Protein backbone atom coordinates (compact mmCIF):
# COMPACT_ATOMS: atom_id res chain seq x y z
CA MET A 1 -209.76 68.56 -55.29
CA GLU A 2 -213.24 69.16 -56.77
CA SER A 3 -216.33 67.58 -55.63
CA ASN A 4 -218.18 65.17 -57.69
CA THR A 5 -220.63 62.53 -55.84
CA ASN A 6 -222.10 61.16 -58.59
CA THR A 7 -222.44 57.06 -59.44
CA PRO A 8 -221.89 56.00 -62.83
CA ASN A 9 -225.19 53.86 -63.32
CA ALA A 10 -222.91 51.03 -65.81
CA PHE A 11 -219.78 50.08 -66.14
CA LYS A 12 -217.47 47.83 -67.91
CA THR A 13 -216.65 44.36 -65.92
CA PRO A 14 -213.35 45.15 -63.90
CA ARG A 15 -210.65 43.93 -64.28
CA LYS A 16 -208.57 42.06 -61.29
CA PRO A 17 -208.21 44.78 -58.81
CA GLU A 18 -204.61 45.90 -58.68
CA LYS A 19 -202.12 45.51 -55.60
CA MET A 20 -199.41 47.60 -53.73
CA LYS A 21 -197.19 47.21 -50.95
CA SER A 22 -198.19 49.26 -47.64
CA PRO A 23 -195.89 51.34 -46.53
CA GLY A 24 -196.71 49.75 -43.07
CA SER A 25 -197.42 46.21 -44.03
CA ALA A 26 -195.11 43.22 -43.75
CA PRO A 27 -192.75 42.72 -46.83
CA GLY A 28 -194.66 41.39 -49.31
CA THR A 29 -198.20 41.87 -47.92
CA PRO A 30 -200.27 43.26 -50.48
CA VAL A 31 -203.09 45.64 -50.43
CA THR A 32 -205.96 45.50 -53.09
CA ILE A 33 -206.98 48.45 -54.80
CA PRO A 34 -210.25 47.83 -55.92
CA ALA A 35 -211.58 48.59 -59.85
CA SER A 36 -212.51 52.27 -59.75
CA PRO A 37 -216.47 51.51 -59.88
CA PHE A 38 -216.37 50.24 -56.51
CA MET A 39 -214.96 52.53 -54.80
CA LYS A 40 -217.20 56.06 -53.76
CA LYS A 41 -216.01 58.98 -56.21
CA LEU A 42 -214.49 61.95 -53.42
CA GLY A 43 -213.93 63.88 -56.20
CA CYS A 44 -211.79 64.80 -59.51
CA GLY A 45 -208.90 67.53 -60.44
CA THR A 46 -207.57 68.19 -63.63
CA GLY A 47 -206.74 64.93 -65.43
CA VAL A 48 -207.17 63.07 -62.40
CA ASN A 49 -210.21 61.10 -59.75
CA VAL A 50 -209.97 60.67 -56.28
CA TYR A 51 -211.91 57.49 -54.68
CA LEU A 52 -212.23 56.43 -51.34
CA MET A 53 -211.12 52.99 -50.29
CA SER A 54 -212.40 51.23 -47.37
CA ARG A 55 -210.14 49.15 -45.52
CA ASN A 56 -210.41 45.88 -43.65
CA GLY A 57 -209.63 45.93 -39.84
CA LYS A 58 -210.67 47.69 -37.16
CA PHE A 59 -207.89 50.72 -36.71
CA HIS A 60 -207.39 50.52 -40.81
CA SER A 61 -208.72 53.51 -41.58
CA PRO A 62 -209.58 54.25 -45.34
CA TRP A 63 -207.26 55.80 -47.66
CA ALA A 64 -207.70 58.37 -50.40
CA ILE A 65 -206.87 56.71 -53.92
CA LYS A 66 -205.55 59.21 -57.13
CA LYS A 67 -205.56 57.74 -60.65
CA ILE A 68 -205.34 59.02 -64.05
CA ASN A 69 -208.87 59.78 -65.76
CA SER A 70 -209.13 56.95 -68.42
CA LYS A 71 -210.97 59.75 -70.55
CA CYS A 72 -207.78 61.75 -70.95
CA THR A 73 -206.00 61.64 -74.39
CA THR A 74 -202.79 59.79 -74.50
CA SER A 75 -200.83 62.91 -74.15
CA GLN A 76 -202.45 64.42 -71.30
CA LYS A 77 -202.31 61.01 -69.56
CA ASN A 78 -198.45 61.25 -70.16
CA ILE A 79 -198.57 64.87 -68.92
CA TYR A 80 -200.65 63.97 -65.71
CA GLN A 81 -198.50 60.53 -64.90
CA ARG A 82 -195.70 62.20 -64.56
CA ARG A 83 -197.35 64.49 -62.24
CA LEU A 84 -198.77 61.73 -60.27
CA CYS A 85 -195.22 60.67 -60.18
CA ASN A 86 -193.92 63.60 -59.12
CA GLU A 87 -196.64 63.88 -56.30
CA ALA A 88 -195.72 60.71 -55.09
CA LYS A 89 -192.12 61.20 -54.72
CA ILE A 90 -192.88 64.58 -52.88
CA LEU A 91 -195.42 63.44 -50.51
CA LYS A 92 -193.67 60.27 -49.71
CA ASP A 93 -191.09 62.54 -48.14
CA LEU A 94 -193.85 64.82 -46.16
CA GLN A 95 -195.57 63.83 -42.48
CA HIS A 96 -197.56 66.85 -41.00
CA PRO A 97 -200.65 67.09 -39.45
CA ASN A 98 -201.79 70.19 -42.00
CA VAL A 99 -200.48 68.09 -45.23
CA VAL A 100 -202.10 64.81 -46.54
CA GLY A 101 -200.13 62.01 -46.04
CA PHE A 102 -198.22 59.46 -48.63
CA ARG A 103 -199.87 55.91 -48.27
CA ALA A 104 -198.27 53.84 -51.10
CA PHE A 105 -197.86 54.50 -55.03
CA THR A 106 -198.02 51.52 -57.49
CA THR A 107 -198.23 51.57 -61.88
CA SER A 108 -202.29 49.48 -62.43
CA LYS A 109 -201.96 46.90 -65.67
CA ASP A 110 -202.52 49.95 -68.11
CA GLY A 111 -199.98 51.82 -67.38
CA SER A 112 -201.30 54.04 -65.46
CA LYS A 113 -200.37 55.60 -61.85
CA CYS A 114 -201.94 54.83 -58.95
CA LEU A 115 -201.06 57.21 -55.99
CA ALA A 116 -203.11 56.27 -52.51
CA MET A 117 -202.89 58.98 -49.52
CA GLU A 118 -204.19 59.08 -46.02
CA TYR A 119 -207.81 60.23 -46.04
CA GLY A 120 -207.83 63.78 -45.27
CA GLY A 121 -211.76 64.45 -45.00
CA GLU A 122 -214.88 64.17 -46.73
CA GLN A 123 -215.16 67.69 -48.95
CA SER A 124 -212.42 70.05 -50.00
CA LEU A 125 -212.89 73.57 -48.51
CA ASN A 126 -213.88 74.63 -51.78
CA ASP A 127 -216.97 72.16 -51.55
CA LEU A 128 -218.14 73.84 -48.04
CA ILE A 129 -217.98 77.38 -49.85
CA GLU A 130 -220.34 76.37 -52.43
CA LYS A 131 -223.01 74.68 -50.29
CA ARG A 132 -223.09 77.75 -48.17
CA ARG A 133 -223.64 79.93 -51.28
CA GLU A 134 -226.23 77.85 -52.48
CA SER A 135 -227.86 77.62 -49.06
CA GLY A 136 -228.37 81.33 -48.83
CA LEU A 137 -225.70 81.97 -46.27
CA GLN A 138 -222.62 84.80 -46.09
CA ALA A 139 -219.21 84.26 -45.36
CA PHE A 140 -218.09 81.77 -42.42
CA PRO A 141 -217.80 82.39 -38.81
CA VAL A 142 -214.70 84.25 -37.97
CA ASP A 143 -213.25 81.14 -35.51
CA VAL A 144 -213.73 78.93 -38.69
CA VAL A 145 -212.12 81.51 -40.99
CA GLU A 146 -209.60 81.85 -38.47
CA ASN A 147 -208.99 77.97 -37.63
CA VAL A 148 -208.37 77.20 -41.59
CA ALA A 149 -206.31 80.16 -41.75
CA LEU A 150 -203.85 78.68 -38.39
CA HIS A 151 -204.37 75.18 -39.92
CA VAL A 152 -203.30 75.92 -43.64
CA ALA A 153 -200.13 78.84 -42.60
CA ARG A 154 -199.11 75.63 -40.14
CA GLY A 155 -198.97 73.40 -43.34
CA LEU A 156 -197.33 76.21 -45.50
CA LYS A 157 -194.61 76.54 -43.40
CA TYR A 158 -193.86 73.29 -42.76
CA LEU A 159 -193.80 73.15 -46.72
CA HIS A 160 -191.60 76.30 -47.07
CA ASN A 161 -189.25 76.33 -43.89
CA GLU A 162 -188.36 72.31 -43.24
CA LYS A 163 -188.79 70.79 -46.72
CA LYS A 164 -187.94 74.24 -49.04
CA LEU A 165 -190.83 73.45 -51.11
CA LEU A 166 -193.33 75.83 -52.80
CA HIS A 167 -196.73 74.05 -53.16
CA GLY A 168 -197.64 76.09 -56.71
CA ASP A 169 -201.31 76.21 -56.39
CA MET A 170 -202.37 77.01 -53.14
CA LYS A 171 -206.57 77.40 -53.48
CA SER A 172 -209.78 76.12 -51.45
CA CYS A 173 -209.93 73.45 -53.93
CA ASN A 174 -206.45 71.93 -52.74
CA VAL A 175 -207.59 71.93 -48.73
CA VAL A 176 -209.27 68.95 -47.62
CA ILE A 177 -212.03 68.83 -44.17
CA LYS A 178 -212.89 66.18 -42.18
CA GLY A 179 -216.22 66.94 -40.39
CA ASP A 180 -216.89 70.08 -38.62
CA PHE A 181 -213.41 71.37 -39.29
CA GLU A 182 -211.92 68.38 -37.22
CA THR A 183 -208.98 68.43 -39.37
CA ILE A 184 -207.72 70.54 -42.32
CA LYS A 185 -204.91 69.63 -44.63
CA ILE A 186 -203.28 70.93 -47.47
CA CYS A 187 -203.12 68.25 -50.82
CA ASP A 188 -201.93 68.14 -54.08
CA VAL A 189 -198.69 68.96 -53.53
CA GLY A 190 -197.93 67.77 -57.78
CA VAL A 191 -196.79 70.99 -59.01
CA SER A 192 -194.54 71.43 -55.96
CA LEU A 193 -191.51 73.50 -56.94
CA ARG A 194 -188.54 73.50 -54.62
CA LEU A 195 -186.76 76.55 -53.06
CA ASP A 196 -183.02 77.48 -52.46
CA GLU A 197 -181.82 79.13 -49.23
CA ASN A 198 -183.38 82.73 -50.39
CA MET A 199 -186.90 81.13 -50.86
CA GLN A 200 -186.65 81.40 -54.08
CA VAL A 201 -187.55 78.73 -56.96
CA SER A 202 -183.99 76.39 -57.46
CA ASP A 203 -184.50 75.50 -60.93
CA PRO A 204 -184.33 78.19 -63.28
CA LYS A 205 -186.66 76.00 -66.32
CA ALA A 206 -188.67 75.31 -63.64
CA HIS A 207 -193.06 76.73 -64.58
CA TYR A 208 -195.14 77.90 -61.75
CA ILE A 209 -198.52 75.86 -63.07
CA GLY A 210 -200.98 77.35 -60.05
CA THR A 211 -204.71 78.23 -61.19
CA GLU A 212 -204.95 81.39 -63.28
CA PRO A 213 -207.61 83.65 -60.39
CA TRP A 214 -205.14 82.85 -57.79
CA LYS A 215 -201.76 83.61 -59.39
CA PRO A 216 -199.86 86.63 -57.79
CA LYS A 217 -198.44 89.24 -60.24
CA GLU A 218 -194.97 88.11 -60.38
CA ALA A 219 -196.12 84.51 -61.80
CA LEU A 220 -198.33 86.42 -64.41
CA GLU A 221 -195.39 88.78 -65.31
CA GLY A 222 -192.57 85.79 -65.62
CA GLY A 223 -190.84 87.50 -62.56
CA VAL A 224 -189.05 85.83 -59.38
CA ILE A 225 -190.92 82.95 -58.15
CA THR A 226 -190.84 82.96 -53.90
CA ASP A 227 -192.28 81.66 -51.16
CA LYS A 228 -194.99 84.57 -51.35
CA ALA A 229 -196.22 83.08 -54.77
CA ASP A 230 -198.20 80.63 -51.94
CA ILE A 231 -199.41 83.53 -49.51
CA PHE A 232 -200.72 85.60 -52.23
CA ALA A 233 -202.61 82.06 -53.16
CA TYR A 234 -202.67 81.62 -49.14
CA GLY A 235 -204.87 85.52 -48.57
CA LEU A 236 -207.24 84.76 -51.82
CA THR A 237 -207.74 81.44 -49.91
CA LEU A 238 -209.06 83.15 -47.18
CA TRP A 239 -211.25 85.46 -49.18
CA GLU A 240 -213.03 82.72 -50.61
CA MET A 241 -213.82 82.03 -47.51
CA MET A 242 -215.59 85.72 -46.59
CA THR A 243 -217.14 86.26 -50.19
CA LEU A 244 -217.90 82.29 -51.12
CA SER A 245 -216.73 83.41 -54.47
CA VAL A 246 -213.97 82.65 -56.92
CA PRO A 247 -211.58 85.74 -57.11
CA HIS A 248 -211.82 88.23 -59.44
CA LEU A 249 -215.05 86.20 -61.40
CA GLU A 250 -217.39 88.63 -58.67
CA MET A 251 -217.86 90.96 -61.34
CA LEU A 252 -220.49 89.09 -62.88
CA ASP A 253 -222.48 88.96 -59.73
CA SER A 254 -222.49 92.79 -59.39
CA GLU A 255 -223.06 93.08 -63.21
CA CYS A 256 -225.83 91.17 -64.06
CA ASP A 257 -229.17 91.27 -62.59
CA ASP A 258 -229.79 90.17 -58.90
CA ASP A 259 -233.24 88.66 -60.44
CA ASP A 260 -231.57 87.25 -63.56
CA ASP A 261 -229.48 83.76 -62.90
CA SER A 262 -228.84 83.12 -66.62
CA PHE A 263 -225.28 83.80 -67.71
CA ASP A 264 -224.31 84.96 -71.24
CA GLU A 265 -220.39 84.75 -71.98
CA ASP A 266 -220.97 88.39 -73.78
CA ASP A 267 -222.04 89.43 -70.39
CA PHE A 268 -218.02 88.49 -69.10
CA ASP A 269 -216.00 91.20 -69.80
CA GLU A 270 -212.47 89.23 -70.69
CA ASP A 271 -209.98 92.08 -70.96
CA ALA A 272 -211.50 93.44 -66.83
CA TYR A 273 -210.74 89.90 -65.81
CA TYR A 274 -207.22 89.50 -67.18
CA GLU A 275 -206.39 93.35 -66.27
CA CYS A 276 -207.58 92.29 -62.28
CA LEU A 277 -205.41 89.02 -62.47
CA GLY A 278 -202.77 89.48 -60.06
CA THR A 279 -204.24 92.01 -58.09
CA ARG A 280 -206.02 92.16 -54.71
CA PRO A 281 -209.47 91.65 -55.07
CA ALA A 282 -212.27 93.94 -53.82
CA LEU A 283 -213.88 92.87 -49.88
CA ASP A 284 -216.70 94.92 -47.95
CA SER A 285 -215.35 94.72 -44.66
CA ASP A 286 -218.33 96.68 -43.33
CA THR A 287 -220.79 94.34 -44.44
CA LEU A 288 -218.29 91.39 -42.63
CA GLY A 289 -218.44 93.45 -39.42
CA GLY A 290 -215.66 94.42 -36.98
CA ALA A 291 -215.17 90.88 -36.15
CA TYR A 292 -213.54 89.94 -39.23
CA GLN A 293 -210.68 92.73 -38.97
CA LYS A 294 -207.43 90.70 -37.91
CA MET A 295 -208.75 88.52 -41.01
CA VAL A 296 -209.26 91.24 -43.18
CA GLU A 297 -206.00 92.41 -42.21
CA LEU A 298 -203.98 89.34 -42.93
CA PHE A 299 -205.79 88.97 -46.56
CA CYS A 300 -204.58 92.54 -47.18
CA LEU A 301 -201.07 92.14 -46.52
CA CYS A 302 -201.02 88.62 -47.99
CA THR A 303 -202.23 89.77 -51.26
CA GLU A 304 -199.97 93.14 -51.73
CA GLU A 305 -198.60 92.99 -55.49
CA ASP A 306 -194.98 93.19 -54.18
CA PRO A 307 -194.24 90.29 -52.90
CA ARG A 308 -191.37 91.94 -50.40
CA LYS A 309 -194.29 93.01 -48.54
CA ARG A 310 -195.97 90.26 -47.74
CA PRO A 311 -195.60 87.61 -44.78
CA SER A 312 -194.09 84.87 -44.74
CA ALA A 313 -195.55 81.61 -43.82
CA SER A 314 -193.54 81.58 -40.17
CA ASP A 315 -194.34 84.95 -39.84
CA ILE A 316 -198.33 84.25 -39.98
CA VAL A 317 -197.74 81.24 -37.67
CA GLN A 318 -196.64 83.29 -34.85
CA ALA A 319 -199.03 86.35 -35.57
CA LEU A 320 -202.14 83.92 -35.40
CA GLU A 321 -200.50 81.56 -32.81
CA SER A 322 -200.02 84.80 -30.80
CA ASN A 323 -204.21 85.27 -30.36
CA LEU A 324 -205.44 81.88 -29.16
């Protein structure tokens, strides 16, 4: 989920609010979903927008509402609606403190889908990384990195071991944070893939989507996809917190003049970028200092190119919890 807090200055008169039933409501009790312009926009993703829906009543916590972006073409809408339907189906079966929960699902009058979810937090981990970088700060404090590492690993352990699901797009954008890291939850399970008893993707025709800079070598080269694909991307998510950068794009920072903030496409070495994909990006552990040693070691283990050498989510949780 990528942050976007801009409020449109003008909008068309909205249609009547959409209605759907809450899983916790009495039968026949409708839940009114306001038109998009009347909800705060939390962020956007590929083909979707996410809004904050306030709910009346002292004990009614807000919901996050995911809708298809109206600006998408018809063919795009069809793709994203299928993904949203898949996400709703998967999310409905999940219940874990480190995974955003399902609340309701409906079809709007124009045929587009609307997924109501637990409100996981004000910002994604990526939002916080960007804000920290723009403020001229360095890596997150080690205790924050360790806290995120543990809670995300717990969420992945639940998905992999209990639900036999590969998240399929692990990255900082898909981790939502409430307050000062009061809660940490994995979101966006719309491209998840089923795992078999051997932790391999069960459907031979299934396609690992992911996001390019976080993809492991086996996904880039058409290899066997297992739970360890999530672990590689998880390792890069920890790397993001320690470098405040996007994997494999940090080369731009080192190749450009520090005093020149402009970007020229000619400065980008596309061949070098693609050659780096699926490998472990550099990490200056000396600059980080000894306090980060365990997180650096975990990052290195998770980003082994051979998936068999990467730890499982269960291994990671056990190791991190032993240090509590």
